[in-house]
């Protein structure tokens, strides 16, 4: 191979340039604000951004604060949206697309954990996308929501960037010994993600 996999990925990132900041931040923001996380988890965009921080395409000192602000702001918009339009959204075509079983899952989680559910909701894509709107619907005080949202946003936004950075570092180490190993790793990650997605969709159909 004339160019390593990491060099190829770096070249792609350099062609996209500063737009990577905008794309990553928008996806992290939109995950809960407009339910983009139901289709494409914002953490994927931040992991990719972290990778490019390691490759010096992006600046880690800029990307981490940007990711945190986008995460907190997106959830805050989702909270206000749920507060004003929540019941109508749940009865709408989008609400039916989300599925009643998903709404009920978040309902139970919020009831059992209260304000802490906002923080714990960051751990899974389903809860992360729906929790802010559900918190707004529930009548939770914004002060309570903002506290747990900020804590979760700091850990999640910064953590995803650093995980992407660490993955890039590990990829370089492996590539020193096995030229094809990075390709195998990427393929395994993609296949694993697809398999998990298909299984989750099947379980949701059974529940529905």
N, C-alpha and C. Protein backbone atom coordinates (compact mmCIF):
# COMPACT_ATOMS: atom_id res chain seq x y z
N UNK A 1 0.85 -1.20 0.00
CA UNK A 1 0.00 0.00 0.00
C UNK A 1 0.88 1.25 0.00
N UNK A 2 0.61 2.19 -0.90
CA UNK A 2 1.40 3.41 -0.99
C UNK A 2 1.11 4.35 0.18
N UNK A 3 -0.10 4.30 0.66
CA UNK A 3 -0.50 5.16 1.79
C UNK A 3 -1.20 4.32 2.83
N UNK A 4 -0.92 4.61 4.09
CA UNK A 4 -1.57 3.87 5.16
C UNK A 4 -3.01 4.32 5.30
N UNK A 5 -3.78 3.52 6.03
CA UNK A 5 -5.19 3.86 6.25
C UNK A 5 -5.31 5.17 7.00
N UNK A 6 -4.47 5.37 8.02
CA UNK A 6 -4.55 6.60 8.81
C UNK A 6 -4.22 7.83 7.95
N UNK A 7 -3.27 7.69 7.03
CA UNK A 7 -2.94 8.80 6.14
C UNK A 7 -4.10 9.12 5.20
N UNK A 8 -4.77 8.06 4.75
CA UNK A 8 -5.92 8.25 3.86
C UNK A 8 -7.04 8.99 4.59
N UNK A 9 -7.33 8.56 5.82
CA UNK A 9 -8.37 9.22 6.61
C UNK A 9 -8.00 10.68 6.91
N UNK A 10 -6.73 10.91 7.19
CA UNK A 10 -6.27 12.27 7.46
C UNK A 10 -6.46 13.16 6.24
N UNK A 11 -6.17 12.62 5.06
CA UNK A 11 -6.35 13.39 3.82
C UNK A 11 -7.81 13.76 3.61
N UNK A 12 -8.71 12.82 3.93
CA UNK A 12 -10.15 13.10 3.80
C UNK A 12 -10.54 14.24 4.74
N UNK A 13 -10.06 14.16 5.99
CA UNK A 13 -10.37 15.20 6.96
C UNK A 13 -9.84 16.56 6.54
N UNK A 14 -8.65 16.59 5.99
CA UNK A 14 -8.07 17.86 5.56
C UNK A 14 -8.86 18.49 4.41
N UNK A 15 -9.44 17.65 3.56
CA UNK A 15 -10.25 18.17 2.47
C UNK A 15 -11.55 18.81 3.00
N UNK A 16 -12.12 18.20 4.03
CA UNK A 16 -13.34 18.76 4.64
C UNK A 16 -13.01 20.03 5.43
N UNK A 17 -11.84 20.01 6.09
CA UNK A 17 -11.35 21.20 6.78
C UNK A 17 -12.18 21.61 7.98
N UNK A 18 -12.31 22.94 8.15
CA UNK A 18 -12.97 23.49 9.34
C UNK A 18 -14.45 23.13 9.40
N UNK A 19 -15.01 22.67 8.29
CA UNK A 19 -16.42 22.26 8.31
C UNK A 19 -16.64 21.09 9.26
N UNK A 20 -15.57 20.36 9.59
CA UNK A 20 -15.70 19.27 10.55
C UNK A 20 -16.15 19.78 11.91
N UNK A 21 -15.70 20.97 12.28
CA UNK A 21 -16.16 21.58 13.54
C UNK A 21 -17.68 21.78 13.50
N UNK A 22 -18.13 22.37 12.38
CA UNK A 22 -19.55 22.70 12.23
C UNK A 22 -20.41 21.44 12.20
N UNK A 23 -19.99 20.46 11.40
CA UNK A 23 -20.77 19.22 11.25
C UNK A 23 -20.87 18.48 12.57
N UNK A 24 -19.75 18.33 13.26
CA UNK A 24 -19.73 17.60 14.53
C UNK A 24 -20.61 18.29 15.58
N UNK A 25 -20.46 19.61 15.68
CA UNK A 25 -21.24 20.36 16.67
C UNK A 25 -22.73 20.32 16.35
N UNK A 26 -23.08 20.44 15.09
CA UNK A 26 -24.50 20.42 14.70
C UNK A 26 -25.15 19.08 14.99
N UNK A 27 -24.43 17.99 14.74
CA UNK A 27 -24.99 16.66 15.01
C UNK A 27 -25.14 16.42 16.51
N UNK A 28 -24.17 16.89 17.29
CA UNK A 28 -24.28 16.76 18.75
C UNK A 28 -25.44 17.61 19.27
N UNK A 29 -25.63 18.79 18.69
CA UNK A 29 -26.73 19.67 19.08
C UNK A 29 -28.08 19.08 18.67
N UNK A 30 -28.16 18.58 17.44
CA UNK A 30 -29.45 18.15 16.89
C UNK A 30 -29.93 16.82 17.43
N UNK A 31 -29.05 16.06 18.09
CA UNK A 31 -29.43 14.73 18.56
C UNK A 31 -30.69 14.76 19.41
N UNK A 32 -30.74 15.67 20.38
CA UNK A 32 -31.92 15.77 21.24
C UNK A 32 -32.83 16.92 20.81
N UNK A 33 -32.24 17.96 20.21
CA UNK A 33 -33.04 19.13 19.84
C UNK A 33 -34.11 18.79 18.82
N UNK A 34 -33.75 17.96 17.82
CA UNK A 34 -34.72 17.59 16.78
C UNK A 34 -34.73 16.08 16.55
N UNK A 35 -34.34 15.32 17.58
CA UNK A 35 -34.42 13.85 17.58
C UNK A 35 -33.56 13.18 16.51
N UNK A 36 -32.49 13.85 16.06
CA UNK A 36 -31.60 13.24 15.08
C UNK A 36 -30.95 11.98 15.65
N UNK A 37 -30.81 11.94 16.98
CA UNK A 37 -30.21 10.78 17.62
C UNK A 37 -30.96 9.48 17.41
N UNK A 38 -32.23 9.57 17.00
CA UNK A 38 -32.98 8.35 16.70
C UNK A 38 -32.44 7.67 15.45
N UNK A 39 -31.77 8.44 14.59
CA UNK A 39 -31.24 7.92 13.33
C UNK A 39 -29.71 7.85 13.37
N UNK A 40 -29.08 8.92 13.81
CA UNK A 40 -27.62 8.99 13.84
C UNK A 40 -27.16 9.56 15.17
N UNK A 41 -26.70 8.71 16.09
CA UNK A 41 -26.24 9.21 17.39
C UNK A 41 -25.15 10.26 17.25
N UNK A 42 -25.30 11.36 17.99
CA UNK A 42 -24.32 12.43 17.92
C UNK A 42 -22.95 11.99 18.38
N UNK A 43 -22.89 10.95 19.21
CA UNK A 43 -21.59 10.49 19.71
C UNK A 43 -20.71 10.00 18.57
N UNK A 44 -21.32 9.48 17.48
CA UNK A 44 -20.54 9.03 16.34
C UNK A 44 -19.77 10.19 15.73
N UNK A 45 -20.45 11.32 15.57
CA UNK A 45 -19.80 12.51 15.02
C UNK A 45 -18.68 13.00 15.93
N UNK A 46 -18.89 12.94 17.24
CA UNK A 46 -17.86 13.42 18.17
C UNK A 46 -16.66 12.46 18.23
N UNK A 47 -16.92 11.17 18.11
CA UNK A 47 -15.81 10.21 18.06
C UNK A 47 -14.94 10.46 16.83
N UNK A 48 -15.60 10.72 15.70
CA UNK A 48 -14.86 11.03 14.47
C UNK A 48 -14.07 12.33 14.65
N UNK A 49 -14.69 13.32 15.28
CA UNK A 49 -14.00 14.58 15.53
C UNK A 49 -12.78 14.37 16.41
N UNK A 50 -12.93 13.50 17.42
CA UNK A 50 -11.79 13.19 18.28
C UNK A 50 -10.66 12.54 17.52
N UNK A 51 -11.02 11.68 16.58
CA UNK A 51 -10.01 11.05 15.72
C UNK A 51 -9.22 12.11 14.96
N UNK A 52 -9.93 13.07 14.38
CA UNK A 52 -9.26 14.10 13.59
C UNK A 52 -8.50 15.10 14.46
N UNK A 53 -8.87 15.20 15.73
CA UNK A 53 -8.06 16.00 16.65
C UNK A 53 -6.67 15.38 16.82
N UNK A 54 -6.66 14.06 16.93
CA UNK A 54 -5.38 13.36 17.05
C UNK A 54 -4.53 13.55 15.79
N UNK A 55 -5.19 13.60 14.63
CA UNK A 55 -4.47 13.75 13.37
C UNK A 55 -4.10 15.20 13.07
N UNK A 56 -4.39 16.10 14.03
CA UNK A 56 -4.07 17.53 13.91
C UNK A 56 -4.88 18.23 12.83
N UNK A 57 -5.94 17.60 12.36
CA UNK A 57 -6.86 18.26 11.42
C UNK A 57 -7.72 19.25 12.19
N UNK A 58 -8.14 18.87 13.41
CA UNK A 58 -8.90 19.74 14.30
C UNK A 58 -8.07 20.01 15.55
N UNK A 59 -8.44 21.06 16.24
CA UNK A 59 -7.74 21.44 17.48
C UNK A 59 -8.54 20.93 18.68
N UNK A 60 -7.89 20.09 19.49
CA UNK A 60 -8.55 19.51 20.65
C UNK A 60 -9.05 20.58 21.61
N UNK A 61 -8.32 21.67 21.73
CA UNK A 61 -8.68 22.75 22.66
C UNK A 61 -9.95 23.49 22.22
N UNK A 62 -10.24 23.42 20.93
CA UNK A 62 -11.47 24.03 20.41
C UNK A 62 -12.61 23.03 20.40
N UNK A 63 -12.32 21.79 20.00
CA UNK A 63 -13.35 20.80 19.78
C UNK A 63 -14.03 20.36 21.06
N UNK A 64 -13.29 20.21 22.15
CA UNK A 64 -13.90 19.76 23.40
C UNK A 64 -14.92 20.78 23.92
N UNK A 65 -14.56 22.07 24.07
CA UNK A 65 -15.57 23.04 24.51
C UNK A 65 -16.75 23.15 23.55
N UNK A 66 -16.47 23.06 22.25
CA UNK A 66 -17.54 23.14 21.25
C UNK A 66 -18.52 21.98 21.40
N UNK A 67 -17.98 20.78 21.62
CA UNK A 67 -18.83 19.60 21.80
C UNK A 67 -19.69 19.72 23.05
N UNK A 68 -19.10 20.22 24.14
CA UNK A 68 -19.84 20.37 25.40
C UNK A 68 -20.96 21.38 25.26
N UNK A 69 -20.65 22.54 24.68
CA UNK A 69 -21.67 23.58 24.50
C UNK A 69 -22.80 23.09 23.60
N UNK A 70 -22.44 22.40 22.51
CA UNK A 70 -23.46 21.89 21.58
C UNK A 70 -24.37 20.88 22.26
N UNK A 71 -23.78 20.00 23.08
CA UNK A 71 -24.56 18.98 23.77
C UNK A 71 -25.54 19.60 24.76
N UNK A 72 -25.06 20.55 25.56
CA UNK A 72 -25.91 21.19 26.57
C UNK A 72 -27.00 22.02 25.90
N UNK A 73 -26.63 22.78 24.86
CA UNK A 73 -27.60 23.63 24.17
C UNK A 73 -28.66 22.80 23.46
N UNK A 74 -28.25 21.69 22.83
CA UNK A 74 -29.21 20.84 22.12
C UNK A 74 -30.24 20.24 23.06
N UNK A 75 -29.79 19.77 24.21
CA UNK A 75 -30.72 19.20 25.19
C UNK A 75 -31.65 20.27 25.77
N UNK A 76 -31.13 21.48 25.93
CA UNK A 76 -31.96 22.57 26.44
C UNK A 76 -33.08 22.92 25.47
N UNK A 77 -32.74 22.91 24.18
CA UNK A 77 -33.77 23.15 23.16
C UNK A 77 -34.79 22.02 23.18
N UNK A 78 -34.30 20.77 23.33
CA UNK A 78 -35.21 19.64 23.42
C UNK A 78 -36.14 19.74 24.61
N UNK A 79 -35.63 20.22 25.73
CA UNK A 79 -36.43 20.41 26.95
C UNK A 79 -37.55 21.42 26.70
N UNK A 80 -37.22 22.57 26.12
CA UNK A 80 -38.22 23.60 25.87
C UNK A 80 -39.24 23.14 24.84
N UNK A 81 -38.78 22.39 23.86
CA UNK A 81 -39.69 21.86 22.85
C UNK A 81 -40.69 20.90 23.48
N UNK A 82 -40.16 20.02 24.34
CA UNK A 82 -41.04 19.07 25.02
C UNK A 82 -42.02 19.77 25.95
N UNK A 83 -41.57 20.83 26.60
CA UNK A 83 -42.41 21.58 27.53
C UNK A 83 -43.60 22.23 26.81
N UNK A 84 -43.36 22.73 25.61
CA UNK A 84 -44.39 23.48 24.88
C UNK A 84 -45.22 22.60 23.94
N UNK A 85 -44.55 21.61 23.32
CA UNK A 85 -45.23 20.85 22.27
C UNK A 85 -45.23 19.35 22.52
N UNK A 86 -44.76 18.91 23.71
CA UNK A 86 -44.59 17.49 23.98
C UNK A 86 -45.79 16.60 23.70
N UNK A 87 -46.93 16.84 24.33
CA UNK A 87 -48.09 15.97 24.09
C UNK A 87 -48.50 15.93 22.62
N UNK A 88 -48.43 17.09 21.97
CA UNK A 88 -48.79 17.14 20.55
C UNK A 88 -47.79 16.34 19.72
N UNK A 89 -46.50 16.45 20.08
CA UNK A 89 -45.47 15.69 19.38
C UNK A 89 -45.70 14.20 19.53
N UNK A 90 -46.04 13.77 20.73
CA UNK A 90 -46.22 12.35 20.99
C UNK A 90 -47.39 11.78 20.19
N UNK A 91 -48.40 12.60 19.91
CA UNK A 91 -49.55 12.14 19.13
C UNK A 91 -49.35 12.31 17.63
N UNK A 92 -48.28 12.99 17.24
CA UNK A 92 -48.05 13.30 15.83
C UNK A 92 -47.50 12.10 15.06
N UNK A 93 -47.30 12.31 13.78
CA UNK A 93 -46.74 11.24 12.94
C UNK A 93 -45.33 10.89 13.40
N UNK A 94 -44.55 11.92 13.79
CA UNK A 94 -43.20 11.66 14.30
C UNK A 94 -43.27 10.84 15.59
N UNK A 95 -44.24 11.18 16.45
CA UNK A 95 -44.40 10.43 17.69
C UNK A 95 -44.72 8.97 17.45
N UNK A 96 -45.57 8.69 16.45
CA UNK A 96 -45.89 7.31 16.11
C UNK A 96 -44.68 6.60 15.50
N UNK A 97 -43.85 7.38 14.77
CA UNK A 97 -42.64 6.79 14.20
C UNK A 97 -41.66 6.40 15.30
N UNK A 98 -41.54 7.24 16.33
CA UNK A 98 -40.69 6.91 17.47
C UNK A 98 -41.17 5.62 18.12
N UNK A 99 -42.47 5.47 18.26
CA UNK A 99 -43.03 4.24 18.83
C UNK A 99 -43.42 4.39 20.28
N UNK A 100 -44.62 3.93 20.63
CA UNK A 100 -45.12 4.06 21.99
C UNK A 100 -44.24 3.33 23.00
N UNK A 101 -43.66 2.22 22.59
CA UNK A 101 -42.81 1.46 23.52
C UNK A 101 -41.59 2.28 23.94
N UNK A 102 -41.05 3.05 23.01
CA UNK A 102 -39.90 3.90 23.34
C UNK A 102 -40.31 5.03 24.28
N UNK A 103 -41.45 5.65 23.99
CA UNK A 103 -41.94 6.71 24.88
C UNK A 103 -42.13 6.17 26.30
N UNK A 104 -42.72 4.98 26.40
CA UNK A 104 -42.98 4.41 27.72
C UNK A 104 -41.68 4.04 28.45
N UNK A 105 -40.68 3.59 27.70
CA UNK A 105 -39.39 3.27 28.31
C UNK A 105 -38.79 4.51 28.97
N UNK A 106 -38.84 5.64 28.25
CA UNK A 106 -38.30 6.88 28.80
C UNK A 106 -39.16 7.38 29.95
N UNK A 107 -40.48 7.21 29.83
CA UNK A 107 -41.40 7.59 30.91
C UNK A 107 -41.01 6.90 32.22
N UNK A 108 -40.82 5.59 32.14
CA UNK A 108 -40.49 4.80 33.33
C UNK A 108 -39.14 5.22 33.90
N UNK A 109 -38.17 5.42 33.02
CA UNK A 109 -36.83 5.79 33.45
C UNK A 109 -36.85 7.14 34.16
N UNK A 110 -37.60 8.09 33.61
CA UNK A 110 -37.70 9.42 34.22
C UNK A 110 -38.42 9.36 35.56
N UNK A 111 -39.47 8.54 35.63
CA UNK A 111 -40.23 8.40 36.88
C UNK A 111 -39.37 7.78 37.98
N UNK A 112 -38.54 6.80 37.61
CA UNK A 112 -37.74 6.09 38.61
C UNK A 112 -36.54 6.90 39.10
N UNK A 113 -35.98 7.75 38.24
CA UNK A 113 -34.73 8.42 38.59
C UNK A 113 -34.83 9.94 38.70
N UNK A 114 -35.93 10.53 38.30
CA UNK A 114 -36.10 11.97 38.44
C UNK A 114 -35.05 12.76 37.67
N UNK A 115 -34.49 13.79 38.32
CA UNK A 115 -33.50 14.63 37.65
C UNK A 115 -32.27 13.87 37.21
N UNK A 116 -31.90 12.84 37.97
CA UNK A 116 -30.72 12.06 37.62
C UNK A 116 -30.90 11.32 36.29
N UNK A 117 -32.15 11.12 35.89
CA UNK A 117 -32.41 10.44 34.62
C UNK A 117 -31.83 11.24 33.45
N UNK A 118 -31.80 12.55 33.59
CA UNK A 118 -31.23 13.41 32.54
C UNK A 118 -29.75 13.08 32.35
N UNK A 119 -29.06 12.86 33.47
CA UNK A 119 -27.64 12.49 33.41
C UNK A 119 -27.47 11.07 32.89
N UNK A 120 -28.20 10.11 33.48
CA UNK A 120 -28.06 8.72 33.07
C UNK A 120 -28.51 8.51 31.62
N UNK A 121 -29.43 9.35 31.17
CA UNK A 121 -29.92 9.23 29.80
C UNK A 121 -28.84 9.43 28.76
N UNK A 122 -27.74 10.07 29.15
CA UNK A 122 -26.63 10.27 28.22
C UNK A 122 -25.96 8.96 27.82
N UNK A 123 -26.21 7.89 28.58
CA UNK A 123 -25.48 6.65 28.36
C UNK A 123 -25.97 5.84 27.17
N UNK A 124 -27.21 6.07 26.72
CA UNK A 124 -27.74 5.32 25.59
C UNK A 124 -28.36 6.26 24.58
N UNK A 125 -28.28 5.88 23.30
CA UNK A 125 -28.77 6.75 22.23
C UNK A 125 -30.27 7.01 22.35
N UNK A 126 -31.05 5.99 22.68
CA UNK A 126 -32.51 6.15 22.79
C UNK A 126 -32.87 7.18 23.85
N UNK A 127 -32.34 7.01 25.05
CA UNK A 127 -32.67 7.93 26.14
C UNK A 127 -32.07 9.31 25.88
N UNK A 128 -30.90 9.35 25.28
CA UNK A 128 -30.24 10.63 25.03
C UNK A 128 -31.06 11.49 24.07
N UNK A 129 -31.69 10.86 23.11
CA UNK A 129 -32.48 11.61 22.12
C UNK A 129 -33.82 12.07 22.67
N UNK A 130 -34.45 11.26 23.52
CA UNK A 130 -35.81 11.54 23.98
C UNK A 130 -35.90 12.16 25.37
N UNK A 131 -34.89 11.94 26.21
CA UNK A 131 -34.99 12.36 27.61
C UNK A 131 -35.25 13.86 27.78
N UNK A 132 -34.54 14.74 27.06
CA UNK A 132 -34.80 16.17 27.26
C UNK A 132 -36.25 16.56 26.99
N UNK A 133 -36.83 16.07 25.90
CA UNK A 133 -38.23 16.38 25.59
C UNK A 133 -39.16 15.81 26.64
N UNK A 134 -38.87 14.60 27.11
CA UNK A 134 -39.71 13.97 28.12
C UNK A 134 -39.61 14.72 29.44
N UNK A 135 -38.42 15.22 29.76
CA UNK A 135 -38.25 15.99 30.99
C UNK A 135 -39.07 17.28 30.92
N UNK A 136 -39.07 17.90 29.74
CA UNK A 136 -39.89 19.10 29.56
C UNK A 136 -41.36 18.81 29.69
N UNK A 137 -41.81 17.68 29.15
CA UNK A 137 -43.21 17.29 29.25
C UNK A 137 -43.62 17.02 30.68
N UNK A 138 -42.69 16.50 31.48
CA UNK A 138 -43.01 16.06 32.84
C UNK A 138 -43.23 17.21 33.82
N UNK A 139 -42.85 18.43 33.40
CA UNK A 139 -42.97 19.57 34.31
C UNK A 139 -41.76 19.76 35.20
N UNK A 140 -40.68 19.07 34.91
CA UNK A 140 -39.45 19.24 35.70
C UNK A 140 -38.99 20.70 35.63
N UNK A 141 -38.49 21.22 36.74
CA UNK A 141 -37.97 22.58 36.75
C UNK A 141 -36.71 22.67 35.88
N UNK A 142 -36.61 23.75 35.11
CA UNK A 142 -35.46 23.88 34.22
C UNK A 142 -34.15 23.94 35.00
N UNK A 143 -34.17 24.53 36.19
CA UNK A 143 -32.96 24.61 37.01
C UNK A 143 -32.42 23.21 37.31
N UNK A 144 -33.34 22.30 37.67
CA UNK A 144 -32.94 20.91 37.94
C UNK A 144 -32.42 20.25 36.69
N UNK A 145 -33.16 20.46 35.60
CA UNK A 145 -32.75 19.87 34.32
C UNK A 145 -31.38 20.37 33.91
N UNK A 146 -31.15 21.69 34.00
CA UNK A 146 -29.90 22.29 33.54
C UNK A 146 -28.71 21.76 34.32
N UNK A 147 -28.86 21.55 35.62
CA UNK A 147 -27.76 21.03 36.44
C UNK A 147 -27.30 19.67 35.92
N UNK A 148 -28.25 18.73 35.79
CA UNK A 148 -27.89 17.38 35.35
C UNK A 148 -27.52 17.35 33.88
N UNK A 149 -28.11 18.22 33.09
CA UNK A 149 -27.78 18.32 31.67
C UNK A 149 -26.34 18.80 31.51
N UNK A 150 -25.94 19.79 32.31
CA UNK A 150 -24.59 20.33 32.21
C UNK A 150 -23.55 19.28 32.62
N UNK A 151 -23.81 18.58 33.71
CA UNK A 151 -22.87 17.54 34.16
C UNK A 151 -22.73 16.45 33.09
N UNK A 152 -23.87 15.99 32.57
CA UNK A 152 -23.84 14.98 31.54
C UNK A 152 -23.18 15.46 30.26
N UNK A 153 -23.47 16.71 29.88
CA UNK A 153 -22.90 17.26 28.66
C UNK A 153 -21.39 17.39 28.72
N UNK A 154 -20.89 17.79 29.89
CA UNK A 154 -19.43 17.91 30.06
C UNK A 154 -18.75 16.54 29.94
N UNK A 155 -19.30 15.55 30.63
CA UNK A 155 -18.69 14.21 30.61
C UNK A 155 -18.85 13.54 29.25
N UNK A 156 -20.06 13.67 28.67
CA UNK A 156 -20.31 13.00 27.39
C UNK A 156 -19.58 13.68 26.24
N UNK A 157 -19.72 15.01 26.14
CA UNK A 157 -19.08 15.72 25.04
C UNK A 157 -17.56 15.59 25.07
N UNK A 158 -16.98 15.89 26.24
CA UNK A 158 -15.53 15.76 26.36
C UNK A 158 -15.06 14.32 26.24
N UNK A 159 -15.83 13.39 26.83
CA UNK A 159 -15.45 11.98 26.81
C UNK A 159 -15.44 11.40 25.41
N UNK A 160 -16.43 11.73 24.59
CA UNK A 160 -16.48 11.21 23.22
C UNK A 160 -15.30 11.69 22.40
N UNK A 161 -14.96 12.96 22.55
CA UNK A 161 -13.80 13.50 21.83
C UNK A 161 -12.52 12.79 22.24
N UNK A 162 -12.34 12.59 23.54
CA UNK A 162 -11.12 11.95 24.03
C UNK A 162 -11.07 10.48 23.64
N UNK A 163 -12.23 9.81 23.59
CA UNK A 163 -12.25 8.41 23.14
C UNK A 163 -11.85 8.30 21.69
N UNK A 164 -12.35 9.23 20.86
CA UNK A 164 -11.96 9.24 19.45
C UNK A 164 -10.47 9.49 19.29
N UNK A 165 -9.92 10.39 20.12
CA UNK A 165 -8.49 10.68 20.11
C UNK A 165 -7.70 9.43 20.50
N UNK A 166 -8.15 8.72 21.55
CA UNK A 166 -7.47 7.51 22.01
C UNK A 166 -7.52 6.41 20.96
N UNK A 167 -8.66 6.30 20.26
CA UNK A 167 -8.78 5.29 19.20
C UNK A 167 -7.76 5.55 18.10
N UNK A 168 -7.60 6.82 17.71
CA UNK A 168 -6.64 7.16 16.67
C UNK A 168 -5.22 6.81 17.11
N UNK A 169 -4.92 7.07 18.38
CA UNK A 169 -3.59 6.75 18.91
C UNK A 169 -3.34 5.25 18.85
N UNK A 170 -4.35 4.46 19.25
CA UNK A 170 -4.21 3.00 19.22
C UNK A 170 -4.07 2.50 17.80
N UNK A 171 -4.79 3.12 16.87
CA UNK A 171 -4.75 2.72 15.47
C UNK A 171 -3.35 2.90 14.89
N UNK A 172 -2.70 3.98 15.27
CA UNK A 172 -1.34 4.23 14.80
C UNK A 172 -0.38 3.18 15.33
N UNK A 173 -0.56 2.78 16.60
CA UNK A 173 0.34 1.78 17.19
C UNK A 173 0.19 0.43 16.47
N UNK A 174 -1.06 0.04 16.22
CA UNK A 174 -1.31 -1.23 15.55
C UNK A 174 -0.76 -1.20 14.13
N UNK A 175 -0.91 -0.07 13.48
CA UNK A 175 -0.50 0.05 12.09
C UNK A 175 1.01 -0.08 11.91
N UNK A 176 1.75 0.18 12.97
CA UNK A 176 3.20 0.02 12.90
C UNK A 176 3.60 -1.44 12.70
N UNK A 177 2.73 -2.36 13.13
CA UNK A 177 3.06 -3.78 13.08
C UNK A 177 2.29 -4.52 11.99
N UNK A 178 1.04 -4.18 11.78
CA UNK A 178 0.22 -4.89 10.82
C UNK A 178 -0.46 -3.89 9.90
N UNK A 179 -0.07 -3.89 8.66
CA UNK A 179 -0.59 -2.91 7.70
C UNK A 179 -2.09 -3.01 7.54
N UNK A 180 -2.60 -4.24 7.52
CA UNK A 180 -4.03 -4.44 7.26
C UNK A 180 -4.88 -4.42 8.52
N UNK A 181 -4.26 -4.38 9.68
CA UNK A 181 -5.02 -4.42 10.92
C UNK A 181 -6.02 -3.28 11.06
N UNK A 182 -5.65 -2.03 10.72
CA UNK A 182 -6.63 -0.95 10.85
C UNK A 182 -7.89 -1.18 10.02
N UNK A 183 -7.70 -1.74 8.82
CA UNK A 183 -8.86 -2.02 7.98
C UNK A 183 -9.75 -3.06 8.66
N UNK A 184 -9.14 -4.11 9.21
CA UNK A 184 -9.90 -5.15 9.88
C UNK A 184 -10.66 -4.58 11.07
N UNK A 185 -10.02 -3.67 11.82
CA UNK A 185 -10.67 -3.05 12.98
C UNK A 185 -11.87 -2.23 12.55
N UNK A 186 -11.68 -1.42 11.52
CA UNK A 186 -12.78 -0.58 11.04
C UNK A 186 -13.95 -1.42 10.53
N UNK A 187 -13.62 -2.48 9.78
CA UNK A 187 -14.67 -3.36 9.27
C UNK A 187 -15.41 -4.03 10.42
N UNK A 188 -14.67 -4.49 11.43
CA UNK A 188 -15.29 -5.14 12.58
C UNK A 188 -16.22 -4.19 13.32
N UNK A 189 -15.81 -2.93 13.46
CA UNK A 189 -16.64 -1.93 14.14
C UNK A 189 -17.92 -1.70 13.36
N UNK A 190 -17.80 -1.54 12.04
CA UNK A 190 -18.97 -1.29 11.19
C UNK A 190 -19.93 -2.47 11.23
N UNK A 191 -19.39 -3.69 11.08
CA UNK A 191 -20.23 -4.89 11.09
C UNK A 191 -20.92 -5.04 12.44
N UNK A 192 -20.17 -4.84 13.52
CA UNK A 192 -20.74 -4.93 14.87
C UNK A 192 -21.87 -3.94 15.08
N UNK A 193 -21.67 -2.71 14.61
CA UNK A 193 -22.71 -1.68 14.75
C UNK A 193 -23.96 -2.05 13.98
N UNK A 194 -23.78 -2.58 12.78
CA UNK A 194 -24.93 -2.98 11.96
C UNK A 194 -25.69 -4.12 12.62
N UNK A 195 -24.96 -5.13 13.12
CA UNK A 195 -25.61 -6.27 13.77
C UNK A 195 -26.40 -5.83 15.00
N UNK A 196 -25.81 -4.98 15.81
CA UNK A 196 -26.50 -4.48 17.01
C UNK A 196 -27.74 -3.69 16.63
N UNK A 197 -27.64 -2.89 15.57
CA UNK A 197 -28.79 -2.09 15.13
C UNK A 197 -29.92 -3.00 14.66
N UNK A 198 -29.59 -4.02 13.88
CA UNK A 198 -30.61 -4.95 13.37
C UNK A 198 -31.29 -5.68 14.52
N UNK A 199 -30.51 -6.15 15.48
CA UNK A 199 -31.08 -6.85 16.64
C UNK A 199 -31.99 -5.95 17.44
N UNK A 200 -31.57 -4.70 17.63
CA UNK A 200 -32.41 -3.76 18.38
C UNK A 200 -33.72 -3.50 17.66
N UNK A 201 -33.65 -3.35 16.34
CA UNK A 201 -34.88 -3.13 15.56
C UNK A 201 -35.83 -4.32 15.67
N UNK A 202 -35.27 -5.53 15.67
CA UNK A 202 -36.11 -6.72 15.79
C UNK A 202 -36.78 -6.79 17.16
N UNK A 203 -36.02 -6.46 18.21
CA UNK A 203 -36.61 -6.46 19.56
C UNK A 203 -37.72 -5.44 19.67
N UNK A 204 -37.52 -4.28 19.06
CA UNK A 204 -38.54 -3.24 19.14
C UNK A 204 -39.81 -3.63 18.40
N UNK A 205 -39.64 -4.35 17.27
CA UNK A 205 -40.81 -4.82 16.53
C UNK A 205 -41.60 -5.82 17.36
N UNK A 206 -40.86 -6.68 18.07
CA UNK A 206 -41.53 -7.68 18.92
C UNK A 206 -42.31 -6.98 20.03
N UNK A 207 -41.66 -5.95 20.65
CA UNK A 207 -42.32 -5.21 21.72
C UNK A 207 -43.55 -4.46 21.22
N UNK A 208 -43.45 -3.92 19.99
CA UNK A 208 -44.58 -3.19 19.42
C UNK A 208 -45.75 -4.15 19.12
